[in-house]
Amino acid sequence: MSLLLETSLGDIIIDLEVEACPKTCENFLKLCKVYYYNLHAFFNVSKDFLAQTGDPSATGTGGESVWSLIAFQRGDADVPRYFEPEIIPHLKHTEKGTVSMAVAPHIEGQPRGGCGSQFFITLEDRIEYLDGKHAVFGHVVEGWDTLDKLNDVFVDQDGRPFKDIRIRHVVVLGEDSLMAILRVVRLTSALAHTDDPFPDPPGLVVPNSPPTRPPDDSTRIAEDEDALEELPEEEAEKQRRQKEAEAAALTLEMVGD
């Protein structure tokens, strides 16, 4: 099955590995269903490496699984924040557009780090450095121009784009819906929760409407403004050079590993 990720840079269609990664896909789809990802920022973008989102705080330290979210809403503190990652040996970060759940560091009571809500999309082929460390659960099938735009954004020293880039909406698609969107390009939110193969977990509360404000306090450049135009020429040139240097350093690091 597939889903449409509507972003402020354009649309991305992702095929999910539902059979290979049922727990991961269930968590992801249910978070989509409750509009969890709406207006989340891409808070970490590294050229020719990855673009990361899914953290409501946009700091890299936030987020949780849908089961943790349900427990929090009902005042139950006993449910772990993360679930054990489904790292499937044959699902690797081989191709650009690989979609993975970010695996948080080891937490007590689990054999390895856990997955919550943060995920990333690779922006280059053959990033074997990530294999076995993060949980692949999908692949981009449409929207390569959007990935290219993501790859070219200007970022600060922490990898956060100067210009806000956000998820606007997520639309879950079945085969019929996927064919329709490939013809029509856009879908209405009426199809937002169709074709979900998983029953809702007990206690899941679906809001009546999507959020209208981002979950983080952003002071970034607005979507309709040019990031470099807002910077002095000297700073803009510095950012261009920094992007090139970081890309080169990352390549050397990956080769060294």
Protein backbone atom coordinates (compact mmCIF):
# COMPACT_ATOMS: atom_id res chain seq x y z
CA MET A 1 0.00 0.00 0.00
CA SER A 2 1.02 3.60 -0.45
CA LEU A 3 0.60 7.06 1.00
CA LEU A 4 0.89 10.61 -0.21
CA LEU A 5 3.09 12.94 1.79
CA GLU A 6 2.08 16.51 0.98
CA THR A 7 4.90 18.90 1.83
CA SER A 8 5.50 22.60 1.35
CA LEU A 9 8.00 21.70 -1.40
CA GLY A 10 5.73 19.30 -3.25
CA ASP A 11 4.21 15.83 -3.03
CA ILE A 12 5.93 12.52 -2.34
CA ILE A 13 4.32 9.09 -2.81
CA ILE A 14 5.69 6.30 -0.62
CA ASP A 15 5.15 2.55 -0.93
CA LEU A 16 5.02 0.91 2.52
CA GLU A 17 6.50 -2.51 3.36
CA VAL A 18 3.35 -3.59 5.19
CA GLU A 19 4.01 -7.34 5.06
CA ALA A 20 7.68 -7.14 6.01
CA CYS A 21 7.26 -4.45 8.70
CA PRO A 22 3.70 -4.70 10.06
CA LYS A 23 4.40 -3.14 13.47
CA THR A 24 6.28 -0.19 12.00
CA CYS A 25 3.66 0.42 9.32
CA GLU A 26 0.82 0.15 11.83
CA ASN A 27 2.47 2.73 14.07
CA PHE A 28 3.12 5.06 11.14
CA LEU A 29 -0.36 4.75 9.65
CA LYS A 30 -2.12 5.32 12.97
CA LEU A 31 -0.01 8.40 13.66
CA CYS A 32 -1.03 9.63 10.21
CA LYS A 33 -4.66 8.91 11.03
CA VAL A 34 -4.64 11.18 14.09
CA TYR A 35 -2.92 13.96 12.07
CA TYR A 36 0.20 13.57 14.19
CA TYR A 37 2.54 14.48 11.34
CA ASN A 38 0.57 17.45 10.07
CA LEU A 39 2.69 20.63 10.07
CA HIS A 40 5.78 18.80 11.33
CA ALA A 41 9.03 20.37 10.14
CA PHE A 42 11.89 18.73 8.30
CA PHE A 43 14.29 19.62 11.08
CA ASN A 44 17.40 17.82 9.86
CA VAL A 45 18.47 17.89 6.21
CA SER A 46 21.93 16.78 5.13
CA LYS A 47 22.80 17.08 1.45
CA ASP A 48 23.20 13.77 -0.38
CA PHE A 49 22.36 11.97 2.85
CA LEU A 50 18.90 12.31 4.41
CA ALA A 51 15.94 14.52 5.35
CA GLN A 52 14.43 13.86 8.78
CA THR A 53 11.03 14.76 10.25
CA GLY A 54 8.40 13.38 12.62
CA ASP A 55 9.48 15.17 15.81
CA PRO A 56 6.88 17.65 17.11
CA SER A 57 9.60 19.59 18.92
CA ALA A 58 11.79 19.75 15.77
CA THR A 59 14.84 19.17 17.96
CA GLY A 60 15.58 15.51 17.26
CA THR A 61 14.71 14.52 20.83
CA GLY A 62 10.90 14.38 20.67
CA GLY A 63 8.26 12.06 19.35
CA GLU A 64 6.71 8.78 20.45
CA SER A 65 4.89 5.73 19.16
CA VAL A 66 1.12 5.71 18.70
CA TRP A 67 0.78 3.33 21.67
CA SER A 68 2.70 5.75 23.88
CA LEU A 69 0.53 8.60 22.60
CA ILE A 70 -2.66 6.73 23.50
CA ALA A 71 -1.28 5.90 26.95
CA PHE A 72 -0.32 9.52 27.58
CA GLN A 73 -3.80 10.70 26.62
CA ARG A 74 -5.38 8.37 29.16
CA GLY A 75 -2.81 9.08 31.88
CA ASP A 76 -1.00 5.73 31.74
CA ALA A 77 2.73 6.12 32.36
CA ASP A 78 3.57 2.41 32.08
CA VAL A 79 3.64 2.17 28.28
CA PRO A 80 7.14 2.61 26.78
CA ARG A 81 7.72 5.64 24.60
CA TYR A 82 9.28 3.50 21.87
CA PHE A 83 8.71 0.08 20.32
CA GLU A 84 11.36 -2.38 19.22
CA PRO A 85 12.52 -1.67 15.66
CA GLU A 86 11.80 -4.10 12.85
CA ILE A 87 15.18 -4.19 11.14
CA ILE A 88 14.72 -6.57 8.22
CA PRO A 89 18.00 -7.84 6.69
CA HIS A 90 16.88 -7.59 3.06
CA LEU A 91 15.56 -4.02 3.45
CA LYS A 92 18.58 -1.78 3.06
CA HIS A 93 19.37 1.87 2.36
CA THR A 94 20.42 1.01 -1.18
CA GLU A 95 18.39 3.47 -3.19
CA LYS A 96 17.62 7.16 -2.95
CA GLY A 97 14.14 7.61 -1.50
CA THR A 98 14.43 4.86 1.12
CA VAL A 99 12.13 5.66 4.06
CA SER A 100 13.22 4.59 7.55
CA MET A 101 12.12 5.02 11.12
CA ALA A 102 14.90 6.66 13.11
CA VAL A 103 16.02 4.37 15.92
CA ALA A 104 16.62 6.18 19.20
CA PRO A 105 19.52 5.14 21.48
CA HIS A 106 19.21 2.06 23.68
CA ILE A 107 16.58 2.26 26.40
CA GLU A 108 16.29 0.05 29.47
CA GLY A 109 14.33 -3.16 29.04
CA GLN A 110 14.81 -3.44 25.26
CA PRO A 111 17.63 -5.20 23.36
CA ARG A 112 18.30 -2.17 21.15
CA GLY A 113 17.11 1.39 20.69
CA GLY A 114 13.49 2.02 19.89
CA CYS A 115 11.28 3.64 17.26
CA GLY A 116 8.79 6.39 17.99
CA SER A 117 7.54 8.80 15.34
CA GLN A 118 10.70 10.22 13.76
CA PHE A 119 11.51 9.06 10.24
CA PHE A 120 13.78 10.06 7.40
CA ILE A 121 14.08 9.78 3.63
CA THR A 122 17.46 9.15 2.03
CA LEU A 123 18.62 11.66 -0.57
CA GLU A 124 21.27 9.53 -2.30
CA ASP A 125 21.89 5.93 -3.35
CA ARG A 126 23.96 3.39 -1.42
CA ILE A 127 24.02 4.75 2.12
CA GLU A 128 25.05 1.42 3.66
CA TYR A 129 26.21 3.32 6.74
CA LEU A 130 22.57 3.28 7.93
CA ASP A 131 21.94 -0.45 7.38
CA GLY A 132 21.22 -2.32 10.60
CA LYS A 133 20.98 0.93 12.55
CA HIS A 134 17.61 2.26 11.37
CA ALA A 135 14.41 0.51 10.29
CA VAL A 136 13.51 0.68 6.59
CA PHE A 137 9.74 0.51 6.06
CA GLY A 138 9.07 2.19 2.72
CA HIS A 139 10.34 3.56 -0.57
CA VAL A 140 9.54 6.69 -2.55
CA VAL A 141 7.91 5.88 -5.92
CA GLU A 142 6.90 9.40 -7.05
CA GLY A 143 8.05 12.89 -6.16
CA TRP A 144 11.72 12.80 -7.08
CA ASP A 145 11.67 16.49 -7.91
CA THR A 146 10.52 17.17 -4.35
CA LEU A 147 13.42 15.12 -2.97
CA ASP A 148 15.81 17.08 -5.18
CA LYS A 149 14.41 20.33 -3.79
CA LEU A 150 14.87 18.99 -0.25
CA ASN A 151 18.44 18.04 -1.06
CA ASP A 152 19.23 21.58 -2.20
CA VAL A 153 17.85 23.55 0.76
CA PHE A 154 20.08 25.85 2.77
CA VAL A 155 20.48 24.85 6.40
CA ASP A 156 21.97 26.19 9.61
CA GLN A 157 24.80 24.57 11.60
CA ASP A 158 22.34 22.08 13.10
CA GLY A 159 20.96 20.98 9.73
CA ARG A 160 17.66 22.84 10.12
CA PRO A 161 16.53 24.54 6.90
CA PHE A 162 16.54 28.33 7.09
CA LYS A 163 13.24 28.25 5.25
CA ASP A 164 10.45 26.28 6.91
CA ILE A 165 9.71 23.00 5.13
CA ARG A 166 6.73 21.15 6.57
CA ILE A 167 4.45 18.20 6.08
CA ARG A 168 1.06 19.65 5.23
CA HIS A 169 -0.94 16.44 5.15
CA VAL A 170 -0.63 12.68 4.78
CA VAL A 171 -3.10 10.74 2.63
CA VAL A 172 -3.27 6.95 2.92
CA LEU A 173 -3.78 5.32 -0.47
CA GLY A 174 -4.93 1.95 -1.71
CA GLU A 175 -4.34 0.68 -5.25
CA ASP A 176 -7.35 2.51 -6.70
CA SER A 177 -6.48 5.74 -4.91
CA LEU A 178 -2.85 5.49 -6.02
CA MET A 179 -3.86 5.17 -9.67
CA ALA A 180 -6.19 8.13 -9.27
CA ILE A 181 -3.53 10.37 -7.81
CA LEU A 182 -1.05 9.48 -10.50
CA ARG A 183 -3.67 10.75 -12.96
CA VAL A 184 -5.01 13.72 -11.03
CA VAL A 185 -1.90 14.63 -8.93
CA ARG A 186 -3.86 15.86 -5.88
CA LEU A 187 -6.43 14.17 -3.64
CA THR A 188 -8.99 15.62 -1.30
CA SER A 189 -8.79 14.83 2.40
CA ALA A 190 -11.91 12.69 2.02
CA LEU A 191 -9.58 9.83 1.11
CA ALA A 192 -7.20 10.53 3.97
CA HIS A 193 -7.88 7.40 6.00
CA THR A 194 -9.07 4.85 3.43
CA ASP A 195 -7.36 1.52 2.76
CA ASP A 196 -5.66 1.26 6.16
CA PRO A 197 -5.24 -2.53 6.69
CA PHE A 198 -4.82 -2.34 10.48
CA PRO A 199 -7.62 -2.10 13.06
CA ASP A 200 -7.37 0.89 15.35
CA PRO A 201 -5.65 0.16 18.67
CA PRO A 202 -7.95 0.48 21.69
CA GLY A 203 -8.22 4.07 22.87
CA LEU A 204 -7.17 5.73 19.62
CA VAL A 205 -8.87 9.13 19.40
CA VAL A 206 -9.09 10.70 15.94
CA PRO A 207 -9.47 14.51 16.03
CA ASN A 208 -12.34 16.07 14.12
CA SER A 209 -9.96 18.17 12.05
CA PRO A 210 -6.22 18.59 11.40
CA PRO A 211 -4.16 21.03 13.48
CA THR A 212 -3.84 24.59 12.22
CA ARG A 213 -0.63 25.56 14.02
CA PRO A 214 2.80 23.88 13.91
CA PRO A 215 3.71 21.95 17.08
CA ASP A 216 7.09 23.69 17.39
CA ASP A 217 7.89 27.37 17.95
CA SER A 218 9.49 28.31 14.64
CA THR A 219 11.15 31.59 13.76
CA ARG A 220 12.18 30.38 10.32
CA ILE A 221 11.75 32.10 6.97
CA ALA A 222 8.24 31.70 5.58
CA GLU A 223 7.54 29.30 2.71
CA ASP A 224 7.00 32.09 0.16
CA GLU A 225 10.28 33.88 0.94
CA ASP A 226 13.71 33.12 -0.50
CA ALA A 227 16.15 31.81 2.09
CA LEU A 228 19.28 33.31 0.53
CA GLU A 229 17.65 36.63 -0.23
CA GLU A 230 17.03 37.01 3.50
CA LEU A 231 20.77 36.62 4.21
CA PRO A 232 23.59 39.10 3.55
CA GLU A 233 25.55 38.16 0.40
CA GLU A 234 28.60 37.19 2.45
CA GLU A 235 26.52 34.86 4.62
CA ALA A 236 24.74 33.40 1.59
CA GLU A 237 28.07 32.54 -0.02
CA LYS A 238 29.26 31.08 3.27
CA GLN A 239 26.21 28.81 3.34
CA ARG A 240 26.89 27.63 -0.21
CA ARG A 241 30.48 26.72 0.69
CA GLN A 242 29.42 25.10 3.96
CA LYS A 243 26.95 22.84 2.15
CA GLU A 244 29.70 21.67 -0.21
CA ALA A 245 32.17 21.09 2.65
CA GLU A 246 29.66 19.15 4.75
CA ALA A 247 28.75 16.93 1.82
CA ALA A 248 32.43 16.17 1.21
CA ALA A 249 33.08 15.49 4.91
CA LEU A 250 30.09 13.15 5.14
CA THR A 251 31.29 11.20 2.12
CA LEU A 252 34.73 10.76 3.70
CA GLU A 253 33.16 9.67 7.00
CA MET A 254 30.99 7.06 5.30
CA VAL A 255 33.96 5.71 3.32
CA GLY A 256 36.01 5.56 6.51
CA ASP A 257 33.31 3.53 8.30
